[in-house]
Each structure stands twice: as structure tokens, then as C-alpha cells.
């Protein structure tokens, strides 16, 4: 053996990750601060004031043209941040193209439906790229707001020197940047290409808006995006509009079916402890587990002589016409005569003396309940899947990939109306649910079978963060809950990565 002296004098150590942005205690910004009638009416009925994260980033998003990066937990209102950046372009009468990129087809399709209904009221043409070059070129020429996935935008932007409309891009919004490690490199390619176009095209600079979950290496990412340090807002994963309680319970069974059997009762108990008007989502790995979980919940409720405990007509929450959530979902589903009665009563409500408002509000509430009951009965009769009909009869809905689209929409509508209190769904569908949230999220054994490798793999952390982001509705104590039932050896793994930021690593070499 021999001892060799080694000098550490010139040793280069990697830089420590920068600290997270502190969430400041600011006065919430109200809609009149937008100082533009179209922008105020755009948000009216959806939000009354901006949440703390939106308030802190408001001046950079809406009152400047600077590049910006926002890292915040899923469900923190980053979509509203994207809308503020788009409204800035509309307010300034920008004639360029505004591009919104998201890695998932399901997310892009859902965002297209949502924004087409919202933005086209104010004269902005919204188009979705499909991957067919001729159709997409036409959509790019006609549209103001272009929604795409990295793959579809890659096809169009490769020949950017010959395509004038690609050079007209003035706003480039990159959502879900935390999914870059799971992408095949196309997301990084199109971002690098757009950065190059922005440098080459001196006549038309591009504004870059990056949105992601909280990440560890925000400095590296923001430098790549061309964002100045003062415009980097990377908040801690615990910074949420509604505080969340994370509970992780381990089960020792190595055999998966035995483990699932042991998790059934605790899942029911977690749901049973919720308040009367509080909703929940249960996440499963596959279609079989999804159905079995729904039936188990009904069996346990029946054994306690409370078979309908998950069936709820929550008309109390919408007893006043000022509450607009129900008004957005239910009216198109109501019979025309019932809808006209409600509209007439609401007009009377707005003009009647204060003493009569309470009785009118009661009448409106009763009519809404009648409408919900009628819609519930007609929905049950139109569902084709027999097991789903049985499950919905007890207030438990479920969703899986093999379901008919009509049945899916019925279940989602019943859940949004708070008729169905429990929604059981397979993990991939969490990316397709828009405007569906809960007081309690439960993940039952977060593993899925990989046929190629012939073994069970953990749910990805990004999928788990998306599930956690659905639990943003505060309960009686204004705190939502997220429960994970997993194999005991994986307990520390989920505890660490669900509440800590992860670094983003490049796929390019």
C-alpha cells in the first residue's frame, strides 16, 4: 500500500442550488387594476382577485414585456399567469403570433377548448396544431393564439426562414417545463430554436414566458430561457393557495393483491372522515383496480347502513345568484322552461328590496336542486356501462381510458355539480381533467405494470405532483389533504420527492 497526497486547492465544486423565491405578504390585486374593460370581463365570474403568486408576478407579466419564469406547485394558478401575458399582447394591439406549448396532447386539447370559448369573445382567433403540415400552416396563418405540443411546433418551425408566420411569433409560452426530463428532447429543441430566431430576427423580438412546477435549478433554466434574475419567481413546493396536508402510509405486504386488499378499508375511512359537502378523488393504476375500488367503497358504506353517503345534491353552496360556479356548468344542461324560470328570478333578485332577497334566493336554490335531480336521473339513464350505472347510483363515479367519451363527460359533469362526491380514476386521466378539484386526494398503491419490462414501476413524480395539484379545495379548516397508500419501502422516497424541488436535466447531448 502507498499513500499519495492529493491537493483540493483547485477543486471545482458544483454550485449550490439558489434559494427559492420568498412569497411576499402583498395586498391581493383586484380586477380593476387591469385598467382595461376587456381584461376585467375576461376574468369576471371566474376570479374576484388574484392569488398571492399571481399578485407577486403581476407587474412583470402584465405591465412589462420582459421574459419571465414562474416555478410554483401544480394548482397554483399558473394558467391565469399565462392568460395575463396573452392579455398584455392584446391590450398593446400586438399583431404577432402568440404560441402556447405544452408537452401533452390531452392538455393542449383541453386548453384549446377552454381558451377558444374565452378569447374569441374578444376578437382573438384560437387555433390548435394537429401535426398535419398543410392544415397547421393554414391554422398558423389564420390564428392569433396558437396552441401546440413540442412535436407539432417542431414540424412547423424547422423551416422558419421560409415561413414568415413563424417569424411573426411575439409571445412564446412554455408550460409544464418540469416535464422536460420525460420528453424525448423535442421540447428543448424548439425552445433553443425559438431563442435563436429571436436573436436573428432583430425586427421582431420574442417574449418568453416559462411555467413549471417548483424546480431546484431555476438559475440554469432561466439563463437558458434568457430570463433576467429579477424576473425569476421559483417558489417553494409548500407555497400553495390552499395549504395541503401530506399523509403517507406504508403497507408491508409484498404481494400486490394482498396490499390492495389491505388498502381498501383505510381508503374508505379517509373518505368517510370528510365533511358533508367535501369531495374527493381516488387515483388507481388501471381499469380493473378503478372499478374494484369504486365497488369496495359502496360495499363499506352499505355495511355501515349509509349506502347513499357519497350521493349529494349540494344546492346550499349555490343558494345566492352571485355564486357563479354552478351557473357556468348547469344552465346548458337544464330544460329550457326551468332555465327561463331561474333567469327571471335572478333578474328579480337583483332589483328587489333587501328584505325579499332571502326568500328569492331560497326559490332559486330549490329550482337549481330540481334541475340537478332531473339532470342526474337523465344522466343515469343515458350511461351505457352497467357497472358505472350501479356505481353512480351510490354517488361514486369512476373514469378510465377505455370508457366512451359520452360516459366520461356525464361522470365529470356530475362531479362538477357535486352530485357525485367521489371520483375514482386511473392515473393518466389526471392530465385530462380541467377545472376538477377536490378536498381530499388519495393514491392507492402508486405502481403500474410495465409490459415491456414485465415488472411494476412507480408512478412518476410528475404524475404524483399533478394528482396533488388537484387537492386545492379547502375544507372546513381551509386545508386540503393528500394521502398516499404505498409499499413500506417506498414511503421515504415519496415523502422526499413530493415536498422537495427536483432539478431539471437535459436530454440533449
Protein backbone atom coordinates (compact mmCIF):
# COMPACT_ATOMS: atom_id res chain seq x y z
CA UNK A 1 0.00 0.00 0.00
CA UNK A 2 1.12 3.56 -0.65
CA UNK A 3 -0.23 6.98 0.35
CA UNK A 4 -0.39 9.77 -2.24
CA UNK A 5 -1.03 13.38 -1.25
CA UNK A 6 -3.92 14.97 -3.19
CA UNK A 7 -4.46 18.72 -3.26
CA UNK A 8 -8.03 20.08 -3.18
CA UNK A 9 -6.87 23.65 -3.75
CA UNK A 10 -8.07 23.81 -7.38
CA UNK A 11 -11.04 21.50 -6.94
CA UNK A 12 -14.17 22.81 -8.72
CA UNK A 13 -17.36 22.02 -6.85
CA UNK A 14 -20.81 22.36 -8.41
CA UNK A 15 -22.74 25.46 -7.38
CA UNK A 16 -25.41 25.09 -4.76
CA UNK A 17 -28.97 25.44 -5.99
CA UNK A 18 -30.27 29.00 -5.50
CA UNK A 19 -32.80 29.59 -2.70
CA UNK A 20 -36.50 29.67 -3.52
CA UNK A 21 -38.30 32.95 -4.08
CA UNK A 22 -39.93 34.22 -0.91
CA UNK A 23 -43.70 34.65 -1.13
CA UNK A 24 -44.34 38.23 -0.08
CA UNK A 25 -47.29 39.28 2.04
CA UNK A 26 -48.88 41.62 -0.52
CA UNK A 27 -52.34 43.11 -0.78
CA UNK A 28 -54.23 40.99 -3.36
CA UNK A 29 -54.65 42.73 -6.72
CA UNK A 30 -58.27 43.23 -7.75
CA UNK A 31 -59.66 43.07 -11.30
CA UNK A 32 -59.96 46.89 -11.73
CA UNK A 33 -56.15 47.04 -11.55
CA UNK A 34 -56.10 45.57 -15.08
CA UNK A 35 -57.27 49.02 -16.31
CA UNK A 36 -58.83 47.52 -19.40
CA UNK A 37 -62.51 46.60 -19.63
CA UNK A 38 -61.98 43.56 -21.87
CA UNK A 39 -59.45 42.07 -19.43
CA UNK A 40 -61.77 42.66 -16.48
CA UNK A 41 -64.73 40.97 -18.20
CA UNK A 42 -62.38 38.13 -19.28
CA UNK A 43 -61.80 37.18 -15.63
CA UNK A 44 -65.17 38.29 -14.25
CA UNK A 45 -67.17 35.35 -12.90
CA UNK A 46 -64.05 33.18 -12.58
CA UNK A 47 -61.95 35.08 -10.04
CA UNK A 48 -62.52 38.18 -7.90
CA UNK A 49 -58.89 38.84 -7.06
CA UNK A 50 -55.52 37.37 -7.96
CA UNK A 51 -53.93 34.89 -5.56
CA UNK A 52 -50.57 35.68 -3.83
CA UNK A 53 -48.41 34.12 -6.58
CA UNK A 54 -50.33 35.91 -9.35
CA UNK A 55 -50.18 39.16 -7.36
CA UNK A 56 -46.41 38.97 -6.91
CA UNK A 57 -45.79 38.28 -10.63
CA UNK A 58 -48.50 40.66 -11.92
CA UNK A 59 -46.31 43.69 -12.73
CA UNK A 60 -43.79 41.63 -14.74
CA UNK A 61 -46.47 39.63 -16.55
CA UNK A 62 -48.98 42.36 -17.38
CA UNK A 63 -47.10 45.64 -17.16
CA UNK A 64 -43.84 44.78 -18.97
CA UNK A 65 -42.55 42.84 -21.96
CA UNK A 66 -39.72 41.14 -20.06
CA UNK A 67 -39.06 37.41 -20.21
CA UNK A 68 -40.26 35.66 -17.06
CA UNK A 69 -40.02 32.26 -15.39
CA UNK A 70 -42.58 31.11 -12.79
CA UNK A 71 -42.00 27.91 -10.82
CA UNK A 72 -44.85 27.04 -8.46
CA UNK A 73 -46.70 23.88 -7.33
CA UNK A 74 -49.36 22.38 -9.58
CA UNK A 75 -52.69 24.09 -8.92
CA UNK A 76 -51.18 27.47 -8.02
CA UNK A 77 -52.90 29.36 -10.84
CA UNK A 78 -50.14 29.42 -13.47
CA UNK A 79 -52.73 29.24 -16.26
CA UNK A 80 -54.01 32.65 -15.14
CA UNK A 81 -50.40 33.90 -15.37
CA UNK A 82 -50.30 32.71 -19.00
CA UNK A 83 -53.61 34.48 -19.65
CA UNK A 84 -52.22 37.73 -18.21
CA UNK A 85 -49.28 37.56 -20.63
CA UNK A 86 -51.67 37.00 -23.57
CA UNK A 87 -53.95 39.84 -22.44
CA UNK A 88 -50.88 42.09 -22.34
CA UNK A 89 -50.31 41.40 -26.04
CA UNK A 90 -54.00 42.03 -26.82
CA UNK A 91 -54.02 45.27 -24.84
CA UNK A 92 -50.96 46.52 -26.74
CA UNK A 93 -52.70 45.54 -30.02
CA UNK A 94 -49.83 43.24 -30.92
CA UNK A 95 -50.21 41.84 -34.45
CA UNK A 96 -47.76 38.97 -33.93
CA UNK A 97 -48.47 35.31 -33.16
CA UNK A 98 -48.80 34.07 -29.57
CA UNK A 99 -47.75 30.45 -29.13
CA UNK A 100 -48.61 28.26 -26.14
CA UNK A 101 -46.67 24.98 -25.83
CA UNK A 102 -47.49 22.05 -23.54
CA UNK A 103 -45.95 18.55 -23.82
CA UNK A 104 -49.20 16.56 -23.55
CA UNK A 105 -51.83 16.17 -26.27
CA UNK A 106 -54.61 15.88 -23.69
CA UNK A 107 -53.58 19.17 -22.04
CA UNK A 108 -53.31 21.02 -25.35
CA UNK A 109 -56.76 19.82 -26.47
CA UNK A 110 -58.36 20.78 -23.14
CA UNK A 111 -56.65 24.19 -23.19
CA UNK A 112 -57.80 24.77 -26.77
CA UNK A 113 -61.46 24.15 -25.88
CA UNK A 114 -61.20 26.39 -22.83
CA UNK A 115 -59.38 29.30 -24.48
CA UNK A 116 -61.36 29.17 -27.72
CA UNK A 117 -64.54 29.89 -25.73
CA UNK A 118 -62.83 32.65 -23.71
CA UNK A 119 -60.55 34.54 -26.12
CA UNK A 120 -62.68 34.51 -29.26
CA UNK A 121 -65.25 36.68 -27.49
CA UNK A 122 -62.62 39.44 -27.62
CA UNK A 123 -61.60 39.01 -31.24
CA UNK A 124 -58.58 36.70 -30.85
CA UNK A 125 -58.58 33.67 -33.16
CA UNK A 126 -57.50 30.47 -31.36
CA UNK A 127 -56.09 27.52 -33.32
CA UNK A 128 -54.80 24.06 -32.34
CA UNK A 129 -51.99 22.40 -34.31
CA UNK A 130 -52.70 18.77 -35.28
CA UNK A 131 -49.42 17.59 -36.82
CA UNK A 132 -50.64 17.77 -40.44
CA UNK A 133 -48.37 20.33 -42.09
CA UNK A 134 -50.80 21.80 -44.64
CA UNK A 135 -53.60 22.16 -42.07
CA UNK A 136 -51.22 23.59 -39.46
CA UNK A 137 -49.78 26.18 -41.86
CA UNK A 138 -53.30 27.41 -42.54
CA UNK A 139 -54.07 27.48 -38.79
CA UNK A 140 -50.87 29.44 -38.14
CA UNK A 141 -51.79 31.99 -40.81
CA UNK A 142 -55.36 32.44 -39.52
CA UNK A 143 -54.82 32.26 -35.77
CA UNK A 144 -53.61 34.78 -33.23
CA UNK A 145 -53.20 32.33 -30.34
CA UNK A 146 -51.65 29.02 -31.40
CA UNK A 147 -51.77 26.00 -29.08
CA UNK A 148 -49.40 23.14 -29.79
CA UNK A 149 -47.28 20.30 -28.48
CA UNK A 150 -43.46 20.37 -28.95
CA UNK A 151 -43.64 17.75 -31.72
CA UNK A 152 -46.20 19.67 -33.80
CA UNK A 153 -44.40 23.01 -33.38
CA UNK A 154 -41.11 21.32 -34.30
CA UNK A 155 -42.55 20.33 -37.68
CA UNK A 156 -43.63 23.89 -38.47
CA UNK A 157 -40.63 25.78 -37.12
CA UNK A 158 -37.88 23.71 -38.77
CA UNK A 159 -38.16 25.74 -41.96
CA UNK A 160 -38.64 29.04 -40.19
CA UNK A 161 -36.64 31.05 -42.72
CA UNK A 162 -39.18 30.17 -45.45
CA UNK A 163 -42.24 30.62 -43.21
CA UNK A 164 -43.00 34.25 -42.44
CA UNK A 165 -45.69 33.41 -39.87
CA UNK A 166 -43.17 31.56 -37.69
CA UNK A 167 -41.04 34.70 -37.72
CA UNK A 168 -44.06 36.73 -36.55
CA UNK A 169 -44.16 34.99 -33.16
CA UNK A 170 -44.02 37.69 -30.47
CA UNK A 171 -45.02 35.65 -27.39
CA UNK A 172 -43.82 32.11 -26.64
CA UNK A 173 -45.39 30.47 -23.55
CA UNK A 174 -43.79 27.22 -22.39
CA UNK A 175 -45.95 25.34 -19.89
CA UNK A 176 -45.05 22.26 -17.84
CA UNK A 177 -41.30 22.77 -18.25
CA UNK A 178 -40.75 20.29 -15.41
CA UNK A 179 -41.69 17.55 -17.91
CA UNK A 180 -38.55 18.18 -19.99
CA UNK A 181 -36.73 15.12 -18.48
CA UNK A 182 -39.61 12.88 -19.62
CA UNK A 183 -39.63 14.35 -23.13
CA UNK A 184 -37.52 12.95 -25.99
CA UNK A 185 -35.66 16.22 -26.44
CA UNK A 186 -38.12 17.97 -28.78
CA UNK A 187 -39.18 20.47 -26.11
CA UNK A 188 -35.59 21.60 -25.66
CA UNK A 189 -35.03 21.72 -29.42
CA UNK A 190 -37.96 24.04 -30.15
CA UNK A 191 -37.11 26.35 -27.22
CA UNK A 192 -33.49 26.63 -28.40
CA UNK A 193 -34.70 27.24 -31.95
CA UNK A 194 -37.10 29.99 -30.88
CA UNK A 195 -34.33 31.62 -28.82
CA UNK A 196 -32.14 31.57 -31.94
CA UNK A 197 -34.95 33.04 -34.09
CA UNK A 198 -35.42 35.81 -31.52
CA UNK A 199 -31.73 36.73 -31.72
CA UNK A 200 -31.61 36.55 -35.53
CA UNK A 201 -34.82 38.48 -36.14
CA UNK A 202 -33.98 41.99 -34.96
CA UNK A 203 -37.28 43.47 -36.20
CA UNK A 204 -39.47 41.24 -34.04
CA UNK A 205 -38.21 40.13 -30.61
CA UNK A 206 -39.94 37.25 -28.86
CA UNK A 207 -41.12 37.37 -25.26
CA UNK A 208 -40.53 34.06 -23.42
CA UNK A 209 -42.80 33.01 -20.54
CA UNK A 210 -41.77 29.80 -18.78
CA UNK A 211 -44.13 27.96 -16.42
CA UNK A 212 -43.21 24.89 -14.35
CA UNK A 213 -43.62 23.19 -11.02
CA UNK A 214 -41.09 24.25 -8.37
CA UNK A 215 -37.63 23.18 -9.53
CA UNK A 216 -34.20 23.14 -7.88
CA UNK A 217 -32.01 24.50 -10.69
CA UNK A 218 -34.09 27.55 -11.64
CA UNK A 219 -30.93 29.62 -12.29
CA UNK A 220 -29.70 27.28 -15.04
CA UNK A 221 -33.13 27.06 -16.64
CA UNK A 222 -33.80 30.80 -16.56
CA UNK A 223 -30.39 31.60 -18.10
CA UNK A 224 -31.19 29.20 -20.93
CA UNK A 225 -34.58 30.91 -21.44
CA UNK A 226 -33.00 34.36 -21.40
CA UNK A 227 -34.74 35.48 -18.20
CA UNK A 228 -33.11 38.13 -16.02
CA UNK A 229 -32.55 37.14 -12.38
CA UNK A 230 -35.07 39.70 -11.08
CA UNK A 231 -37.80 38.07 -13.22
CA UNK A 232 -37.27 34.54 -11.88
CA UNK A 233 -40.04 33.51 -9.47
CA UNK A 234 -39.30 29.99 -8.23
CA UNK A 235 -41.48 29.39 -5.17
CA UNK A 236 -41.11 26.57 -2.67
CA UNK A 237 -43.28 23.44 -3.21
CA UNK A 238 -45.05 24.18 0.08
CA UNK A 239 -46.24 27.59 -1.18
CA UNK A 240 -49.83 26.90 -2.25
CA UNK A 241 -53.05 28.95 -2.48
CA UNK A 242 -54.58 26.37 -0.14
CA UNK A 243 -52.27 24.67 2.42
CA UNK A 244 -52.05 20.91 1.96
CA UNK A 245 -51.51 18.12 4.47
CA UNK A 246 -49.50 15.19 3.12
CA UNK A 247 -50.02 11.78 4.74
CA UNK A 248 -48.05 8.72 3.56
CA UNK A 249 -48.93 5.32 4.99
CA UNK A 250 -46.85 2.22 4.29
CA UNK A 251 -48.13 -1.36 3.92
CA UNK A 252 -45.78 -4.31 4.45
CA UNK A 253 -47.42 -6.81 2.06
CA UNK A 254 -45.05 -7.71 -0.78
CA UNK A 255 -47.84 -9.38 -2.79
CA UNK A 256 -49.65 -6.58 -4.64
CA UNK A 257 -53.18 -8.01 -4.49
CA UNK A 258 -52.84 -8.53 -0.72
CA UNK A 259 -51.58 -4.96 -0.43
CA UNK A 260 -54.57 -3.60 -2.38
CA UNK A 261 -56.93 -5.62 -0.19
CA UNK A 262 -55.33 -4.09 2.92
CA UNK A 263 -55.65 -0.56 1.48
CA UNK A 264 -59.39 -0.77 0.74
CA UNK A 265 -60.65 -0.13 4.30
CA UNK A 266 -58.24 2.78 5.06
CA UNK A 267 -59.27 4.40 1.75
CA UNK A 268 -62.93 4.26 2.75
CA UNK A 269 -62.16 5.61 6.23
CA UNK A 270 -60.26 8.56 4.76
CA UNK A 271 -63.26 9.46 2.57
CA UNK A 272 -65.78 8.86 5.37
CA UNK A 273 -63.99 11.37 7.62
CA UNK A 274 -64.63 14.20 5.17
CA UNK A 275 -67.28 16.83 5.82
CA UNK A 276 -70.74 16.56 4.27
CA UNK A 277 -70.06 18.86 1.32
CA UNK A 278 -66.43 17.89 0.69
CA UNK A 279 -65.40 16.00 -2.45
CA UNK A 280 -62.59 13.52 -3.06
CA UNK A 281 -60.60 11.85 -5.83
CA UNK A 282 -59.07 8.37 -5.65
CA UNK A 283 -56.26 7.54 -8.08
CA UNK A 284 -55.75 3.97 -9.27
CA UNK A 285 -53.29 2.34 -11.67
CA UNK A 286 -55.58 0.52 -14.10
CA UNK A 287 -59.18 -0.05 -15.16
CA UNK A 288 -59.67 -3.18 -13.05
CA UNK A 289 -58.42 -1.51 -9.87
CA UNK A 290 -60.54 1.54 -10.66
CA UNK A 291 -63.78 -0.47 -10.79
CA UNK A 292 -62.88 -2.60 -7.78
CA UNK A 293 -62.10 0.47 -5.65
CA UNK A 294 -65.47 2.04 -6.53
CA UNK A 295 -67.33 -1.17 -5.62
CA UNK A 296 -65.36 -1.55 -2.36
CA UNK A 297 -66.33 1.99 -1.28
CA UNK A 298 -70.01 1.25 -1.93
CA UNK A 299 -69.79 -2.06 -0.01
CA UNK A 300 -68.23 -0.44 3.06
CA UNK A 301 -70.82 2.36 3.03
CA UNK A 302 -73.66 -0.18 2.73
CA UNK A 303 -72.26 -2.22 5.63
CA UNK A 304 -72.48 0.91 7.82
CA UNK A 305 -76.13 1.44 6.74
CA UNK A 306 -75.14 4.61 4.85
CA UNK A 307 -75.33 3.41 1.23
CA UNK A 308 -76.00 6.91 -0.18
CA UNK A 309 -73.39 8.75 1.90
CA UNK A 310 -71.46 9.70 -1.26
CA UNK A 311 -74.56 10.96 -3.12
CA UNK A 312 -75.07 14.65 -2.58
CA UNK A 313 -77.21 17.43 -4.05
CA UNK A 314 -75.23 20.35 -2.71
CA UNK A 315 -77.59 23.21 -3.55
CA UNK A 316 -76.67 25.09 -0.35
CA UNK A 317 -73.34 26.19 -1.80
CA UNK A 318 -75.10 27.95 -4.67
CA UNK A 319 -78.05 29.46 -2.85
CA UNK A 320 -77.20 33.00 -3.96
CA UNK A 321 -77.07 34.11 -7.59
CA UNK A 322 -73.67 35.77 -7.01
CA UNK A 323 -72.12 32.29 -6.79
CA UNK A 324 -71.33 31.65 -10.44
CA UNK A 325 -69.58 28.24 -10.42
CA UNK A 326 -72.82 26.28 -10.76
CA UNK A 327 -74.18 28.81 -13.24
CA UNK A 328 -71.30 28.02 -15.60
CA UNK A 329 -71.84 24.26 -15.53
CA UNK A 330 -75.53 23.56 -15.03
CA UNK A 331 -77.61 26.00 -17.18
CA UNK A 332 -76.84 24.37 -20.57
CA UNK A 333 -77.97 21.05 -19.06
CA UNK A 334 -81.30 22.33 -17.72
CA UNK A 335 -84.64 22.08 -19.54
CA UNK A 336 -85.44 25.43 -21.28
CA UNK A 337 -88.54 26.15 -19.16
CA UNK A 338 -86.64 25.63 -15.88
CA UNK A 339 -83.76 27.73 -17.13
CA UNK A 340 -86.07 30.62 -18.04
CA UNK A 341 -87.67 30.49 -14.55
CA UNK A 342 -84.27 30.74 -12.89
CA UNK A 343 -83.23 33.63 -15.15
CA UNK A 344 -86.43 35.53 -14.33
CA UNK A 345 -85.95 35.02 -10.58
CA UNK A 346 -82.35 36.17 -10.82
CA UNK A 347 -83.43 39.40 -12.53
CA UNK A 348 -85.98 39.96 -9.76
CA UNK A 349 -83.29 39.22 -7.17
CA UNK A 350 -81.01 41.96 -8.50
CA UNK A 351 -83.75 44.62 -8.26
CA UNK A 352 -85.86 43.56 -5.27
CA UNK A 353 -85.60 45.17 -1.78
CA UNK A 354 -83.15 43.62 0.67
CA UNK A 355 -85.94 42.13 2.80
CA UNK A 356 -87.18 39.92 -0.06
CA UNK A 357 -83.76 38.72 -1.23
CA UNK A 358 -83.62 35.77 1.18
CA UNK A 359 -86.91 34.25 0.03
CA UNK A 360 -85.96 34.70 -3.64
CA UNK A 361 -82.56 33.12 -3.02
CA UNK A 362 -84.35 30.12 -1.47
CA UNK A 363 -86.58 29.73 -4.53
CA UNK A 364 -83.57 29.91 -6.86
CA UNK A 365 -81.77 27.30 -4.74
CA UNK A 366 -84.77 24.96 -4.88
CA UNK A 367 -85.02 25.31 -8.66
CA UNK A 368 -81.32 24.53 -9.01
CA UNK A 369 -81.79 21.42 -6.85
CA UNK A 370 -84.72 20.35 -9.02
CA UNK A 371 -82.57 20.88 -12.10
CA UNK A 372 -79.73 18.84 -10.61
CA UNK A 373 -82.09 15.97 -9.72
CA UNK A 374 -83.56 15.94 -13.24
CA UNK A 375 -80.12 16.02 -14.83
CA UNK A 376 -78.92 13.24 -12.50
CA UNK A 377 -81.83 10.95 -13.45
CA UNK A 378 -81.45 11.59 -17.18
CA UNK A 379 -77.69 11.05 -16.93
CA UNK A 380 -78.06 7.69 -15.18
CA UNK A 381 -80.47 6.56 -17.89
CA UNK A 382 -78.11 7.53 -20.73
CA UNK A 383 -74.98 5.79 -19.37
CA UNK A 384 -74.26 2.55 -21.25
CA UNK A 385 -71.80 0.83 -18.89
CA UNK A 386 -73.86 -1.16 -16.38
CA UNK A 387 -71.22 -1.17 -13.63
CA UNK A 388 -70.98 2.62 -13.92
CA UNK A 389 -74.78 3.00 -13.65
CA UNK A 390 -74.68 0.97 -10.42
CA UNK A 391 -71.77 2.99 -9.05
CA UNK A 392 -73.29 6.40 -9.88
CA UNK A 393 -76.47 5.35 -8.10
CA UNK A 394 -74.47 5.47 -4.86
CA UNK A 395 -72.60 8.71 -5.60
CA UNK A 396 -69.31 7.13 -6.70
CA UNK A 397 -68.14 7.81 -10.25
CA UNK A 398 -65.13 6.34 -11.99
CA UNK A 399 -63.12 7.11 -15.13
CA UNK A 400 -60.71 5.01 -17.20
CA UNK A 401 -59.21 5.24 -20.67
CA UNK A 402 -61.47 2.61 -22.26
CA UNK A 403 -64.72 4.42 -21.40
CA UNK A 404 -66.87 6.04 -24.07
CA UNK A 405 -66.39 9.79 -24.30
CA UNK A 406 -70.13 10.39 -23.64
CA UNK A 407 -69.98 8.41 -20.37
CA UNK A 408 -66.81 10.29 -19.35
CA UNK A 409 -68.46 13.68 -19.84
CA UNK A 410 -71.52 12.60 -17.83
CA UNK A 411 -69.36 11.50 -14.88
CA UNK A 412 -67.32 14.72 -15.00
CA UNK A 413 -70.48 16.87 -15.12
CA UNK A 414 -71.99 15.04 -12.14
CA UNK A 415 -68.77 15.53 -10.19
CA UNK A 416 -68.55 19.24 -11.04
CA UNK A 417 -72.17 19.69 -9.91
CA UNK A 418 -71.22 17.96 -6.63
CA UNK A 419 -73.91 15.34 -7.08
CA UNK A 420 -71.24 12.64 -7.17
CA UNK A 421 -68.97 13.16 -4.18
CA UNK A 422 -66.24 10.60 -5.02
CA UNK A 423 -64.39 10.23 -8.32
CA UNK A 424 -62.13 7.21 -8.87
CA UNK A 425 -59.84 7.47 -11.90
CA UNK A 426 -56.78 5.93 -13.49
CA UNK A 427 -53.56 7.92 -13.15
CA UNK A 428 -53.12 9.02 -16.84
CA UNK A 429 -56.53 10.74 -16.82
CA UNK A 430 -55.38 13.25 -14.19
CA UNK A 431 -53.82 15.24 -17.08
CA UNK A 432 -57.14 15.40 -18.94
CA UNK A 433 -59.28 16.77 -16.09
CA UNK A 434 -59.76 20.52 -16.37
CA UNK A 435 -61.45 22.52 -13.60
CA UNK A 436 -61.99 19.40 -11.47
CA UNK A 437 -60.61 19.65 -7.94
CA UNK A 438 -61.17 18.05 -4.55
CA UNK A 439 -60.74 18.46 -0.80
CA UNK A 440 -59.02 15.09 -0.49
CA UNK A 441 -56.83 13.17 -2.94
CA UNK A 442 -55.99 9.50 -2.26
CA UNK A 443 -53.43 7.48 -4.23
CA UNK A 444 -53.92 3.73 -3.83
CA UNK A 445 -50.67 1.80 -4.38
CA UNK A 446 -48.82 4.10 -6.84
CA UNK A 447 -47.34 1.41 -9.09
CA UNK A 448 -48.27 0.29 -12.61
CA UNK A 449 -47.35 -2.80 -14.59
CA UNK A 450 -44.89 -2.30 -17.45
CA UNK A 451 -45.49 -4.98 -20.08
CA UNK A 452 -42.17 -4.35 -21.82
CA UNK A 453 -40.09 -4.86 -18.68
CA UNK A 454 -42.51 -7.35 -17.05
CA UNK A 455 -42.42 -5.62 -13.68
CA UNK A 456 -44.21 -2.99 -11.62
CA UNK A 457 -42.89 0.58 -11.78
CA UNK A 458 -43.64 3.54 -9.52
CA UNK A 459 -45.87 6.35 -10.74
CA UNK A 460 -43.67 9.17 -12.00
CA UNK A 461 -43.15 12.07 -9.60
CA UNK A 462 -44.64 14.47 -12.18
CA UNK A 463 -47.84 12.38 -12.26
CA UNK A 464 -47.94 12.40 -8.45
CA UNK A 465 -47.44 16.18 -8.34
CA UNK A 466 -50.30 16.59 -10.82
CA UNK A 467 -52.54 14.47 -8.58
CA UNK A 468 -51.53 16.52 -5.57
CA UNK A 469 -52.36 19.67 -7.52
CA UNK A 470 -55.99 18.53 -7.77
CA UNK A 471 -56.31 18.73 -3.96
CA UNK A 472 -56.61 22.50 -3.75
CA UNK A 473 -60.12 22.95 -2.36
CA UNK A 474 -60.02 23.91 1.31
CA UNK A 475 -62.33 22.09 3.67
CA UNK A 476 -63.81 23.21 6.98
CA UNK A 477 -60.35 24.27 8.17
CA UNK A 478 -59.28 25.69 4.76
CA UNK A 479 -56.72 22.91 4.35
CA UNK A 480 -56.80 20.23 1.68
CA UNK A 481 -55.39 16.73 2.21
CA UNK A 482 -53.39 14.32 0.06
CA UNK A 483 -52.97 10.71 1.18
CA UNK A 484 -50.62 8.12 -0.35
CA UNK A 485 -51.01 4.42 0.46
CA UNK A 486 -47.85 2.66 -0.74
CA UNK A 487 -45.50 -0.26 -0.13
CA UNK A 488 -43.47 0.49 3.03
CA UNK A 489 -40.02 0.52 1.32
CA UNK A 490 -41.21 3.34 -1.00
CA UNK A 491 -42.54 5.54 1.82
CA UNK A 492 -39.38 7.65 2.28
CA UNK A 493 -38.99 8.02 -1.48
CA UNK A 494 -42.41 9.65 -1.90
CA UNK A 495 -42.04 11.69 1.28
CA UNK A 496 -38.80 13.22 -0.01
CA UNK A 497 -39.70 13.97 -3.60
CA UNK A 498 -43.31 15.13 -3.19
CA UNK A 499 -42.33 18.02 -0.92
CA UNK A 500 -38.95 18.97 -2.38
CA UNK A 501 -37.92 20.60 -5.66
CA UNK A 502 -36.29 18.43 -8.29
CA UNK A 503 -33.63 19.61 -10.77
CA UNK A 504 -34.40 19.51 -14.49
CA UNK A 505 -31.83 17.65 -16.58
CA UNK A 506 -31.32 17.98 -20.31
CA UNK A 507 -31.99 15.13 -22.75
CA UNK A 508 -29.68 16.61 -25.40
CA UNK A 509 -26.05 15.58 -25.73
